[in-house]
Amino acid sequence: MKIRLAGILPNSNSNGPGLRKVFFSQGCSKHCDGCFNQHTWSFEGGKMCDCDKLIKETIDETYLAGVTFSGGDPFEQPEPFAYIAKKFKKHKINIWSYTGYTLEEILALAKKNKFINELLHNIDVLVDGRFDKNLTNKKVIFRGSSNQKIIDVQKSLKMKKMILWEESNE
């Protein structure tokens, strides 16, 4: 299976807790005003990468605290991102994902698209919502703007209500 990526950041400590590998999805339909990744908007850009090769390389990097899917928007390439997320979860790799969709929008889409459902069920934390340049705040962690929520996905699915990551880690 192939995935279209804008790039990979091998070591990041600003896209979730600890040292993480970040996979930047190529393609986003949201086009948020002030987005710092405008080069990821086009669905034709970036390069095609072999999912199994990416998985193997990442599994071997045992020093990582986890991986992060960013973009672009990973939920606009749900099949390959679900595929790699399932493989990472088998190896107990922590997964964060950023998206311009809200959790409510993703849950509605997941009813119609099995790959969105699989992706959602295999990530640990979701940073949801469109970037809003009028709500930028240097005091918020792991987000571009204060309207975005950091959601503990697995606890939220289990409890059938949104559980914020900050709350679940107190």
Protein backbone atom coordinates (compact mmCIF):
# COMPACT_ATOMS: atom_id res chain seq x y z
CA MET A 1 0.00 0.00 0.00
CA LYS A 2 1.15 3.53 -0.79
CA ILE A 3 0.61 6.79 1.06
CA ARG A 4 1.13 10.34 -0.26
CA LEU A 5 3.25 12.32 2.20
CA ALA A 6 4.42 15.92 2.17
CA GLY A 7 7.30 14.84 4.36
CA ILE A 8 8.50 13.15 7.52
CA LEU A 9 10.01 14.86 10.54
CA PRO A 10 12.14 12.14 12.16
CA ASN A 11 12.46 13.79 15.59
CA SER A 12 9.97 16.27 17.03
CA ASN A 13 9.06 17.27 20.56
CA SER A 14 6.33 19.74 19.61
CA ASN A 15 3.79 17.37 18.00
CA GLY A 16 2.81 15.48 21.12
CA PRO A 17 4.65 14.45 24.28
CA GLY A 18 8.18 13.08 24.05
CA LEU A 19 10.32 12.52 20.99
CA ARG A 20 8.04 11.65 18.08
CA LYS A 21 8.24 10.87 14.37
CA VAL A 22 5.79 13.00 12.40
CA PHE A 23 4.17 11.92 9.13
CA PHE A 24 2.82 14.91 7.19
CA SER A 25 -0.09 13.92 4.99
CA GLN A 26 -0.28 15.50 1.55
CA GLY A 27 -3.70 16.98 0.83
CA CYS A 28 -6.12 19.11 2.80
CA SER A 29 -9.43 20.60 1.76
CA LYS A 30 -9.80 22.93 4.77
CA HIS A 31 -7.31 25.64 3.67
CA CYS A 32 -7.31 27.38 7.05
CA ASP A 33 -6.33 31.04 6.88
CA GLY A 34 -2.84 31.37 8.36
CA CYS A 35 -1.96 27.68 7.99
CA PHE A 36 1.78 27.17 8.29
CA ASN A 37 1.66 24.04 6.08
CA GLN A 38 0.06 25.46 2.93
CA HIS A 39 2.42 23.36 0.80
CA THR A 40 0.49 20.29 2.04
CA TRP A 41 -2.88 21.43 0.67
CA SER A 42 -2.56 20.02 -2.83
CA PHE A 43 -3.60 16.40 -3.25
CA GLU A 44 -1.12 16.09 -6.11
CA GLY A 45 2.05 17.24 -4.31
CA GLY A 46 4.40 15.40 -2.00
CA LYS A 47 5.59 11.92 -2.86
CA MET A 48 4.21 8.43 -2.74
CA CYS A 49 5.76 6.24 -0.04
CA ASP A 50 5.53 2.53 0.68
CA CYS A 51 3.56 2.02 3.91
CA ASP A 52 5.30 -1.22 4.90
CA LYS A 53 8.73 0.39 4.54
CA LEU A 54 7.65 3.34 6.72
CA ILE A 55 6.24 0.95 9.32
CA LYS A 56 9.41 -1.17 9.47
CA GLU A 57 11.69 1.85 9.77
CA THR A 58 9.56 3.33 12.55
CA ILE A 59 9.18 0.10 14.55
CA ASP A 60 12.97 -0.18 14.63
CA GLU A 61 13.28 3.31 16.17
CA THR A 62 12.69 2.18 19.76
CA TYR A 63 13.83 5.52 21.21
CA LEU A 64 10.62 7.23 19.98
CA ALA A 65 7.83 8.07 22.41
CA GLY A 66 5.39 7.68 19.53
CA VAL A 67 4.29 8.89 16.12
CA THR A 68 2.14 11.79 15.02
CA PHE A 69 0.04 12.12 11.88
CA SER A 70 -0.26 15.72 10.74
CA GLY A 71 -0.78 17.44 7.48
CA GLY A 72 -2.37 18.24 5.29
CA ASP A 73 -5.05 16.14 6.91
CA PRO A 74 -4.58 12.42 7.60
CA PHE A 75 -8.36 11.90 7.63
CA GLU A 76 -8.41 12.82 3.94
CA GLN A 77 -6.23 9.73 3.27
CA PRO A 78 -7.96 7.40 5.71
CA GLU A 79 -7.14 4.06 4.10
CA PRO A 80 -3.31 4.25 4.20
CA PHE A 81 -3.27 6.07 7.56
CA ALA A 82 -5.60 3.43 9.04
CA TYR A 83 -3.31 0.74 7.67
CA ILE A 84 -0.16 2.14 9.26
CA ALA A 85 -1.99 3.03 12.50
CA LYS A 86 -3.16 -0.58 12.92
CA LYS A 87 0.39 -1.85 12.40
CA PHE A 88 1.82 0.67 14.87
CA LYS A 89 -0.79 -0.26 17.49
CA LYS A 90 0.22 -3.94 17.20
CA HIS A 91 3.68 -2.76 18.29
CA LYS A 92 2.22 -0.63 21.10
CA ILE A 93 3.35 2.64 19.48
CA ASN A 94 1.54 5.72 20.80
CA ILE A 95 -0.26 7.59 18.00
CA TRP A 96 -1.40 11.20 17.89
CA SER A 97 -3.23 12.69 14.92
CA TYR A 98 -4.04 16.26 13.92
CA THR A 99 -7.07 17.06 11.80
CA GLY A 100 -9.12 20.04 10.67
CA TYR A 101 -12.27 18.01 11.33
CA THR A 102 -13.95 18.04 14.72
CA LEU A 103 -14.44 14.78 16.57
CA GLU A 104 -18.18 15.04 15.90
CA GLU A 105 -17.55 15.37 12.15
CA ILE A 106 -15.18 12.39 12.20
CA LEU A 107 -17.69 10.24 14.08
CA ALA A 108 -20.34 11.07 11.46
CA LEU A 109 -17.92 10.30 8.60
CA ALA A 110 -16.85 7.07 10.32
CA LYS A 111 -20.40 5.72 9.97
CA LYS A 112 -20.01 5.91 6.18
CA ASN A 113 -16.30 5.18 5.73
CA LYS A 114 -14.76 2.09 7.35
CA PHE A 115 -11.21 3.45 6.96
CA ILE A 116 -12.02 6.63 8.88
CA ASN A 117 -13.55 4.39 11.55
CA GLU A 118 -10.43 2.18 11.64
CA LEU A 119 -8.12 5.19 11.79
CA LEU A 120 -10.08 6.73 14.65
CA HIS A 121 -10.13 3.45 16.59
CA ASN A 122 -6.35 3.04 16.29
CA ILE A 123 -5.15 6.46 17.42
CA ASP A 124 -4.61 7.45 21.04
CA VAL A 125 -4.98 11.22 20.88
CA LEU A 126 -6.72 13.49 18.39
CA VAL A 127 -6.06 17.21 18.08
CA ASP A 128 -9.21 18.33 16.31
CA GLY A 129 -10.63 21.40 14.65
CA ARG A 130 -9.62 23.97 12.11
CA PHE A 131 -6.73 26.30 12.83
CA ASP A 132 -8.02 29.81 13.62
CA LYS A 133 -5.33 32.46 13.39
CA ASN A 134 -7.45 34.78 15.55
CA LEU A 135 -7.24 32.25 18.39
CA THR A 136 -3.50 31.64 18.40
CA ASN A 137 -2.14 31.49 21.92
CA LYS A 138 1.44 30.67 22.86
CA LYS A 139 0.23 29.25 26.19
CA VAL A 140 -1.66 26.29 24.68
CA ILE A 141 0.40 23.16 24.21
CA PHE A 142 0.43 20.95 21.12
CA ARG A 143 -2.11 23.14 19.29
CA GLY A 144 -2.02 26.01 16.83
CA SER A 145 -5.09 27.79 18.18
CA SER A 146 -7.09 27.64 21.40
CA ASN A 147 -10.29 26.36 19.73
CA GLN A 148 -8.61 23.05 18.93
CA LYS A 149 -9.17 20.25 21.44
CA ILE A 150 -6.75 17.52 22.52
CA ILE A 151 -8.92 14.42 22.87
CA ASP A 152 -8.15 11.07 24.48
CA VAL A 153 -9.73 9.02 21.69
CA GLN A 154 -9.82 5.60 23.32
CA LYS A 155 -11.36 6.88 26.58
CA SER A 156 -13.84 8.98 24.60
CA LEU A 157 -14.95 5.99 22.53
CA LYS A 158 -15.27 3.82 25.64
CA MET A 159 -17.20 6.44 27.64
CA LYS A 160 -19.23 7.56 24.59
CA LYS A 161 -18.42 11.18 25.40
CA MET A 162 -15.48 13.48 24.72
CA ILE A 163 -12.68 13.10 27.23
CA LEU A 164 -9.95 15.68 26.87
CA TRP A 165 -6.38 14.45 27.05
CA GLU A 166 -5.48 16.95 29.78
CA GLU A 167 -8.31 15.57 31.94
CA SER A 168 -7.37 11.95 31.35
CA ASN A 169 -3.76 12.56 32.41
CA GLU A 170 -4.38 14.35 35.71
